[in-house]
Amino acid sequence: MQFKPRVKVVAGVLEVDGAVLVQERPAGKARAFLWEFPGGKVDPGESSDACVEREFFEELGLRIRVDKELWSHQHAYEDIVVDLTLFAVTHLSSLDEMMAHDGQTIAWVQKTELMALDFCPADKEFIAFLAKA
């Protein structure tokens, strides 16, 4: 049996007028070109809330507030085990100032249309839940 590293990952679900913000993973990263919610790995000693806030600012230039936990799940990829938690977030800075700092494609997608995108496998169960909500 092969040991797989375990990583704590958090992401934020930013909803505005019925659409949620998603991003496509850039080339060169694991699971490149799959869609996901903005977020990333929690650094040692960092809280989940602080990580979501940091990732939104680093990736998109947005200041956000974490409102509540929406969903938590563990997913085993071939190379890694991800403990993923998704949080509802509210933007504090203007959406007009948002830009993709990592070169990723970003999109606003209606919740009912999320299942049409090719999401990271760890997100798919949540996507099905969100589409019904």
N, C-alpha and C. Protein backbone atom coordinates (compact mmCIF):
# COMPACT_ATOMS: atom_id res chain seq x y z
N MET A 1 0.84 -1.18 0.00
CA MET A 1 0.00 0.00 0.00
C MET A 1 0.89 1.25 0.00
N GLN A 2 0.60 2.15 -0.91
CA GLN A 2 1.40 3.36 -1.05
C GLN A 2 0.84 4.48 -0.17
N PHE A 3 1.75 5.17 0.52
CA PHE A 3 1.36 6.31 1.35
C PHE A 3 1.04 7.51 0.46
N LYS A 4 -0.08 8.15 0.73
CA LYS A 4 -0.45 9.37 0.00
C LYS A 4 -0.42 10.53 0.98
N PRO A 5 0.25 11.62 0.61
CA PRO A 5 0.23 12.79 1.50
C PRO A 5 -1.19 13.30 1.67
N ARG A 6 -1.45 13.84 2.85
CA ARG A 6 -2.78 14.38 3.16
C ARG A 6 -2.66 15.90 3.26
N VAL A 7 -3.58 16.60 2.61
CA VAL A 7 -3.53 18.06 2.56
C VAL A 7 -4.90 18.63 2.93
N LYS A 8 -4.88 19.66 3.77
CA LYS A 8 -6.10 20.38 4.11
C LYS A 8 -6.27 21.52 3.12
N VAL A 9 -7.39 21.52 2.39
CA VAL A 9 -7.67 22.52 1.37
C VAL A 9 -9.01 23.18 1.71
N VAL A 10 -9.06 24.50 1.54
CA VAL A 10 -10.28 25.25 1.76
C VAL A 10 -10.58 26.10 0.53
N ALA A 11 -11.85 26.38 0.33
CA ALA A 11 -12.24 27.22 -0.81
C ALA A 11 -13.47 28.02 -0.43
N GLY A 12 -13.68 29.09 -1.18
CA GLY A 12 -14.82 29.97 -0.91
C GLY A 12 -15.81 29.95 -2.05
N VAL A 13 -17.08 29.96 -1.69
CA VAL A 13 -18.16 30.03 -2.67
C VAL A 13 -18.73 31.44 -2.58
N LEU A 14 -18.40 32.25 -3.59
CA LEU A 14 -18.86 33.63 -3.68
C LEU A 14 -20.02 33.67 -4.65
N GLU A 15 -21.21 34.00 -4.15
CA GLU A 15 -22.40 34.05 -4.97
C GLU A 15 -22.89 35.49 -5.07
N VAL A 16 -23.14 35.92 -6.30
CA VAL A 16 -23.67 37.26 -6.56
C VAL A 16 -24.77 37.13 -7.61
N ASP A 17 -25.97 37.57 -7.27
CA ASP A 17 -27.11 37.52 -8.20
C ASP A 17 -27.34 36.13 -8.79
N GLY A 18 -27.21 35.10 -7.97
CA GLY A 18 -27.49 33.74 -8.39
C GLY A 18 -26.36 33.03 -9.12
N ALA A 19 -25.26 33.73 -9.37
CA ALA A 19 -24.11 33.11 -10.03
C ALA A 19 -22.97 32.97 -9.03
N VAL A 20 -22.18 31.93 -9.19
CA VAL A 20 -21.03 31.71 -8.31
C VAL A 20 -19.74 31.86 -9.11
N LEU A 21 -18.71 32.30 -8.42
CA LEU A 21 -17.41 32.51 -9.02
C LEU A 21 -16.63 31.21 -9.02
N VAL A 22 -16.14 30.80 -10.18
CA VAL A 22 -15.31 29.61 -10.31
C VAL A 22 -14.08 29.96 -11.13
N GLN A 23 -13.08 29.11 -11.02
CA GLN A 23 -11.86 29.34 -11.79
C GLN A 23 -11.35 28.02 -12.33
N GLU A 24 -10.67 28.11 -13.46
CA GLU A 24 -10.08 26.94 -14.08
C GLU A 24 -8.62 26.84 -13.66
N ARG A 25 -8.19 25.67 -13.22
CA ARG A 25 -6.81 25.49 -12.78
C ARG A 25 -5.87 25.70 -13.96
N PRO A 26 -4.81 26.49 -13.77
CA PRO A 26 -3.91 26.79 -14.88
C PRO A 26 -3.02 25.62 -15.27
N ALA A 27 -2.46 25.70 -16.48
CA ALA A 27 -1.51 24.70 -16.96
C ALA A 27 -0.34 24.61 -15.99
N GLY A 28 0.20 23.42 -15.87
CA GLY A 28 1.36 23.23 -15.01
C GLY A 28 1.03 22.83 -13.59
N LYS A 29 -0.22 22.97 -13.18
CA LYS A 29 -0.63 22.54 -11.84
C LYS A 29 -1.31 21.18 -11.94
N ALA A 30 -1.31 20.46 -10.83
CA ALA A 30 -2.05 19.20 -10.78
C ALA A 30 -3.51 19.49 -11.12
N ARG A 31 -4.11 18.60 -11.85
CA ARG A 31 -5.50 18.72 -12.29
C ARG A 31 -5.73 20.00 -13.11
N ALA A 32 -4.74 20.32 -13.95
CA ALA A 32 -4.80 21.50 -14.82
C ALA A 32 -6.06 21.45 -15.69
N PHE A 33 -6.64 22.62 -15.90
CA PHE A 33 -7.79 22.84 -16.77
C PHE A 33 -9.11 22.31 -16.21
N LEU A 34 -9.10 21.82 -14.95
CA LEU A 34 -10.35 21.48 -14.30
C LEU A 34 -10.82 22.70 -13.52
N TRP A 35 -12.12 22.81 -13.34
CA TRP A 35 -12.70 23.96 -12.63
C TRP A 35 -12.72 23.69 -11.13
N GLU A 36 -12.69 24.78 -10.37
CA GLU A 36 -12.71 24.72 -8.90
C GLU A 36 -13.20 26.05 -8.36
N PHE A 37 -13.44 26.07 -7.07
CA PHE A 37 -13.74 27.32 -6.37
C PHE A 37 -12.43 27.92 -5.89
N PRO A 38 -12.33 29.24 -5.83
CA PRO A 38 -11.07 29.86 -5.36
C PRO A 38 -10.71 29.40 -3.95
N GLY A 39 -9.45 29.07 -3.77
CA GLY A 39 -8.98 28.63 -2.47
C GLY A 39 -7.62 27.97 -2.61
N GLY A 40 -7.24 27.21 -1.60
CA GLY A 40 -5.95 26.54 -1.67
C GLY A 40 -5.62 25.81 -0.39
N LYS A 41 -4.36 25.41 -0.30
CA LYS A 41 -3.87 24.64 0.85
C LYS A 41 -3.72 25.54 2.07
N VAL A 42 -4.11 25.00 3.21
CA VAL A 42 -3.96 25.70 4.48
C VAL A 42 -2.51 25.55 4.94
N ASP A 43 -1.86 26.67 5.21
CA ASP A 43 -0.48 26.65 5.70
C ASP A 43 -0.44 26.21 7.15
N PRO A 44 0.68 25.63 7.60
CA PRO A 44 0.81 25.25 9.01
C PRO A 44 0.55 26.45 9.93
N GLY A 45 -0.29 26.25 10.94
CA GLY A 45 -0.61 27.31 11.88
C GLY A 45 -1.65 28.31 11.39
N GLU A 46 -2.12 28.17 10.17
CA GLU A 46 -3.10 29.09 9.59
C GLU A 46 -4.51 28.55 9.82
N SER A 47 -5.45 29.42 10.13
CA SER A 47 -6.84 28.98 10.27
C SER A 47 -7.46 28.83 8.88
N SER A 48 -8.53 28.06 8.81
CA SER A 48 -9.23 27.89 7.54
C SER A 48 -9.75 29.21 7.01
N ASP A 49 -10.36 30.02 7.89
CA ASP A 49 -10.88 31.33 7.47
C ASP A 49 -9.76 32.21 6.90
N ALA A 50 -8.63 32.27 7.61
CA ALA A 50 -7.52 33.10 7.16
C ALA A 50 -6.99 32.62 5.81
N CYS A 51 -6.98 31.31 5.60
CA CYS A 51 -6.50 30.77 4.32
C CYS A 51 -7.42 31.18 3.18
N VAL A 52 -8.74 31.06 3.37
CA VAL A 52 -9.67 31.45 2.31
C VAL A 52 -9.48 32.93 1.98
N GLU A 53 -9.39 33.75 3.02
CA GLU A 53 -9.20 35.20 2.80
C GLU A 53 -7.89 35.46 2.05
N ARG A 54 -6.81 34.79 2.45
CA ARG A 54 -5.51 34.97 1.79
C ARG A 54 -5.56 34.54 0.34
N GLU A 55 -6.14 33.38 0.09
CA GLU A 55 -6.18 32.85 -1.28
C GLU A 55 -7.00 33.75 -2.21
N PHE A 56 -8.13 34.26 -1.75
CA PHE A 56 -8.92 35.17 -2.58
C PHE A 56 -8.13 36.42 -2.93
N PHE A 57 -7.38 36.93 -1.96
CA PHE A 57 -6.59 38.13 -2.22
C PHE A 57 -5.42 37.82 -3.16
N GLU A 58 -4.70 36.73 -2.89
CA GLU A 58 -3.54 36.39 -3.73
C GLU A 58 -3.95 36.03 -5.15
N GLU A 59 -5.01 35.25 -5.31
CA GLU A 59 -5.41 34.77 -6.63
C GLU A 59 -6.23 35.78 -7.42
N LEU A 60 -7.05 36.57 -6.72
CA LEU A 60 -8.02 37.42 -7.42
C LEU A 60 -7.97 38.89 -7.03
N GLY A 61 -7.19 39.23 -6.02
CA GLY A 61 -7.14 40.62 -5.57
C GLY A 61 -8.39 41.05 -4.83
N LEU A 62 -9.18 40.10 -4.35
CA LEU A 62 -10.43 40.41 -3.64
C LEU A 62 -10.28 40.24 -2.14
N ARG A 63 -10.80 41.19 -1.42
CA ARG A 63 -10.94 41.06 0.03
C ARG A 63 -12.32 40.48 0.28
N ILE A 64 -12.35 39.41 1.07
CA ILE A 64 -13.63 38.73 1.36
C ILE A 64 -13.75 38.49 2.86
N ARG A 65 -14.96 38.12 3.26
CA ARG A 65 -15.24 37.70 4.63
C ARG A 65 -15.80 36.29 4.55
N VAL A 66 -15.33 35.41 5.40
CA VAL A 66 -15.87 34.05 5.47
C VAL A 66 -17.12 34.10 6.34
N ASP A 67 -18.22 33.60 5.80
CA ASP A 67 -19.50 33.66 6.51
C ASP A 67 -19.80 32.37 7.29
N LYS A 68 -19.78 31.23 6.60
CA LYS A 68 -20.09 29.97 7.29
C LYS A 68 -19.58 28.80 6.46
N GLU A 69 -19.38 27.68 7.14
CA GLU A 69 -19.00 26.45 6.45
C GLU A 69 -20.22 25.88 5.72
N LEU A 70 -20.02 25.49 4.47
CA LEU A 70 -21.11 24.93 3.67
C LEU A 70 -21.03 23.41 3.55
N TRP A 71 -19.79 22.89 3.49
CA TRP A 71 -19.64 21.49 3.14
C TRP A 71 -18.21 21.05 3.40
N SER A 72 -18.05 19.82 3.81
CA SER A 72 -16.71 19.27 4.06
C SER A 72 -16.68 17.84 3.53
N HIS A 73 -15.54 17.45 2.98
CA HIS A 73 -15.46 16.16 2.31
C HIS A 73 -14.00 15.73 2.21
N GLN A 74 -13.76 14.46 2.21
CA GLN A 74 -12.42 13.93 1.98
C GLN A 74 -12.42 13.22 0.63
N HIS A 75 -11.38 13.48 -0.17
CA HIS A 75 -11.28 12.85 -1.48
C HIS A 75 -9.87 12.33 -1.71
N ALA A 76 -9.76 11.09 -2.15
CA ALA A 76 -8.45 10.49 -2.44
C ALA A 76 -8.21 10.52 -3.94
N TYR A 77 -7.22 11.30 -4.35
CA TYR A 77 -6.73 11.28 -5.72
C TYR A 77 -5.66 10.20 -5.81
N GLU A 78 -5.13 9.98 -7.00
CA GLU A 78 -4.07 8.98 -7.16
C GLU A 78 -2.82 9.36 -6.39
N ASP A 79 -2.56 10.67 -6.25
CA ASP A 79 -1.31 11.15 -5.67
C ASP A 79 -1.44 11.78 -4.30
N ILE A 80 -2.67 12.07 -3.85
CA ILE A 80 -2.85 12.86 -2.63
C ILE A 80 -4.25 12.64 -2.07
N VAL A 81 -4.40 12.81 -0.76
CA VAL A 81 -5.71 12.80 -0.11
C VAL A 81 -6.00 14.24 0.30
N VAL A 82 -7.16 14.73 -0.11
CA VAL A 82 -7.54 16.11 0.16
C VAL A 82 -8.69 16.14 1.15
N ASP A 83 -8.51 16.89 2.24
CA ASP A 83 -9.60 17.20 3.16
C ASP A 83 -10.09 18.59 2.74
N LEU A 84 -11.22 18.63 2.04
CA LEU A 84 -11.72 19.86 1.43
C LEU A 84 -12.90 20.41 2.22
N THR A 85 -12.83 21.69 2.55
CA THR A 85 -13.94 22.39 3.20
C THR A 85 -14.28 23.61 2.36
N LEU A 86 -15.56 23.78 2.06
CA LEU A 86 -16.03 24.93 1.30
C LEU A 86 -16.82 25.85 2.22
N PHE A 87 -16.58 27.15 2.06
CA PHE A 87 -17.22 28.17 2.89
C PHE A 87 -17.98 29.16 2.03
N ALA A 88 -19.11 29.64 2.52
CA ALA A 88 -19.79 30.77 1.90
C ALA A 88 -18.99 32.01 2.25
N VAL A 89 -18.76 32.88 1.26
CA VAL A 89 -18.00 34.10 1.49
C VAL A 89 -18.75 35.30 0.90
N THR A 90 -18.42 36.47 1.42
CA THR A 90 -18.97 37.73 0.94
C THR A 90 -17.81 38.62 0.53
N HIS A 91 -17.94 39.26 -0.64
CA HIS A 91 -16.85 40.15 -1.07
C HIS A 91 -16.95 41.48 -0.33
N LEU A 92 -15.77 41.99 0.07
CA LEU A 92 -15.69 43.27 0.77
C LEU A 92 -15.11 44.35 -0.14
N SER A 93 -14.33 43.94 -1.14
CA SER A 93 -13.78 44.89 -2.09
C SER A 93 -14.60 44.82 -3.38
N SER A 94 -14.45 45.81 -4.24
CA SER A 94 -15.21 45.89 -5.47
C SER A 94 -14.88 44.74 -6.42
N LEU A 95 -15.91 44.15 -6.99
CA LEU A 95 -15.71 43.09 -7.97
C LEU A 95 -15.05 43.62 -9.24
N ASP A 96 -15.18 44.93 -9.48
CA ASP A 96 -14.54 45.55 -10.64
C ASP A 96 -13.02 45.48 -10.57
N GLU A 97 -12.49 45.33 -9.36
CA GLU A 97 -11.04 45.27 -9.17
C GLU A 97 -10.49 43.84 -9.28
N MET A 98 -11.36 42.87 -9.45
CA MET A 98 -10.94 41.47 -9.48
C MET A 98 -10.16 41.18 -10.76
N MET A 99 -9.04 40.45 -10.59
CA MET A 99 -8.30 39.96 -11.75
C MET A 99 -7.60 38.65 -11.38
N ALA A 100 -7.41 37.81 -12.38
CA ALA A 100 -6.80 36.51 -12.16
C ALA A 100 -5.29 36.65 -12.12
N HIS A 101 -4.72 36.69 -10.93
CA HIS A 101 -3.28 36.90 -10.76
C HIS A 101 -2.43 35.71 -11.16
N ASP A 102 -3.02 34.50 -11.19
CA ASP A 102 -2.27 33.30 -11.56
C ASP A 102 -2.49 32.92 -13.02
N GLY A 103 -3.15 33.78 -13.78
CA GLY A 103 -3.40 33.50 -15.19
C GLY A 103 -4.53 32.51 -15.42
N GLN A 104 -5.27 32.17 -14.38
CA GLN A 104 -6.36 31.22 -14.52
C GLN A 104 -7.58 31.90 -15.16
N THR A 105 -8.41 31.12 -15.81
CA THR A 105 -9.66 31.62 -16.36
C THR A 105 -10.66 31.66 -15.20
N ILE A 106 -11.39 32.76 -15.09
CA ILE A 106 -12.43 32.88 -14.07
C ILE A 106 -13.77 33.09 -14.76
N ALA A 107 -14.84 32.66 -14.09
CA ALA A 107 -16.17 32.79 -14.68
C ALA A 107 -17.22 32.87 -13.59
N TRP A 108 -18.29 33.57 -13.92
CA TRP A 108 -19.49 33.59 -13.08
C TRP A 108 -20.47 32.61 -13.71
N VAL A 109 -20.92 31.62 -12.94
CA VAL A 109 -21.76 30.56 -13.48
C VAL A 109 -22.99 30.39 -12.60
N GLN A 110 -24.15 30.28 -13.22
CA GLN A 110 -25.37 30.01 -12.47
C GLN A 110 -25.24 28.65 -11.79
N LYS A 111 -25.77 28.52 -10.59
CA LYS A 111 -25.65 27.27 -9.84
C LYS A 111 -26.18 26.08 -10.64
N THR A 112 -27.25 26.29 -11.38
CA THR A 112 -27.86 25.20 -12.15
C THR A 112 -26.99 24.78 -13.33
N GLU A 113 -26.00 25.58 -13.70
CA GLU A 113 -25.14 25.28 -14.85
C GLU A 113 -23.76 24.74 -14.44
N LEU A 114 -23.50 24.65 -13.14
CA LEU A 114 -22.20 24.19 -12.67
C LEU A 114 -21.87 22.77 -13.12
N MET A 115 -22.86 21.91 -13.17
CA MET A 115 -22.61 20.51 -13.51
C MET A 115 -22.13 20.34 -14.95
N ALA A 116 -22.31 21.36 -15.79
CA ALA A 116 -21.85 21.29 -17.18
C ALA A 116 -20.34 21.50 -17.28
N LEU A 117 -19.72 22.04 -16.23
CA LEU A 117 -18.27 22.27 -16.24
C LEU A 117 -17.54 21.04 -15.72
N ASP A 118 -16.31 20.86 -16.18
CA ASP A 118 -15.48 19.73 -15.75
C ASP A 118 -14.74 20.13 -14.47
N PHE A 119 -15.33 19.86 -13.31
CA PHE A 119 -14.77 20.24 -12.02
C PHE A 119 -13.78 19.19 -11.52
N CYS A 120 -12.91 19.61 -10.61
CA CYS A 120 -12.04 18.68 -9.92
C CYS A 120 -12.92 17.62 -9.24
N PRO A 121 -12.52 16.36 -9.27
CA PRO A 121 -13.34 15.30 -8.66
C PRO A 121 -13.73 15.57 -7.20
N ALA A 122 -12.86 16.20 -6.43
CA ALA A 122 -13.17 16.48 -5.02
C ALA A 122 -14.36 17.42 -4.87
N ASP A 123 -14.66 18.22 -5.91
CA ASP A 123 -15.76 19.19 -5.86
C ASP A 123 -17.09 18.65 -6.36
N LYS A 124 -17.09 17.54 -7.05
CA LYS A 124 -18.28 17.11 -7.78
C LYS A 124 -19.50 16.82 -6.89
N GLU A 125 -19.29 16.22 -5.74
CA GLU A 125 -20.42 15.94 -4.83
C GLU A 125 -21.06 17.25 -4.36
N PHE A 126 -20.21 18.24 -4.06
CA PHE A 126 -20.73 19.54 -3.63
C PHE A 126 -21.47 20.23 -4.78
N ILE A 127 -20.97 20.11 -6.00
CA ILE A 127 -21.60 20.72 -7.17
C ILE A 127 -23.03 20.18 -7.31
N ALA A 128 -23.19 18.88 -7.16
CA ALA A 128 -24.52 18.27 -7.26
C ALA A 128 -25.43 18.81 -6.15
N PHE A 129 -24.92 18.94 -4.95
CA PHE A 129 -25.68 19.49 -3.83
C PHE A 129 -26.06 20.95 -4.11
N LEU A 130 -25.10 21.76 -4.57
CA LEU A 130 -25.32 23.18 -4.81
C LEU A 130 -26.34 23.40 -5.95
N ALA A 131 -26.29 22.58 -6.96
CA ALA A 131 -27.20 22.72 -8.09
C ALA A 131 -28.65 22.51 -7.67
N LYS A 132 -28.88 21.71 -6.61
CA LYS A 132 -30.22 21.45 -6.12
C LYS A 132 -30.69 22.48 -5.10
N ALA A 133 -29.75 23.23 -4.54
CA ALA A 133 -30.09 24.18 -3.46
C ALA A 133 -30.82 25.41 -3.99
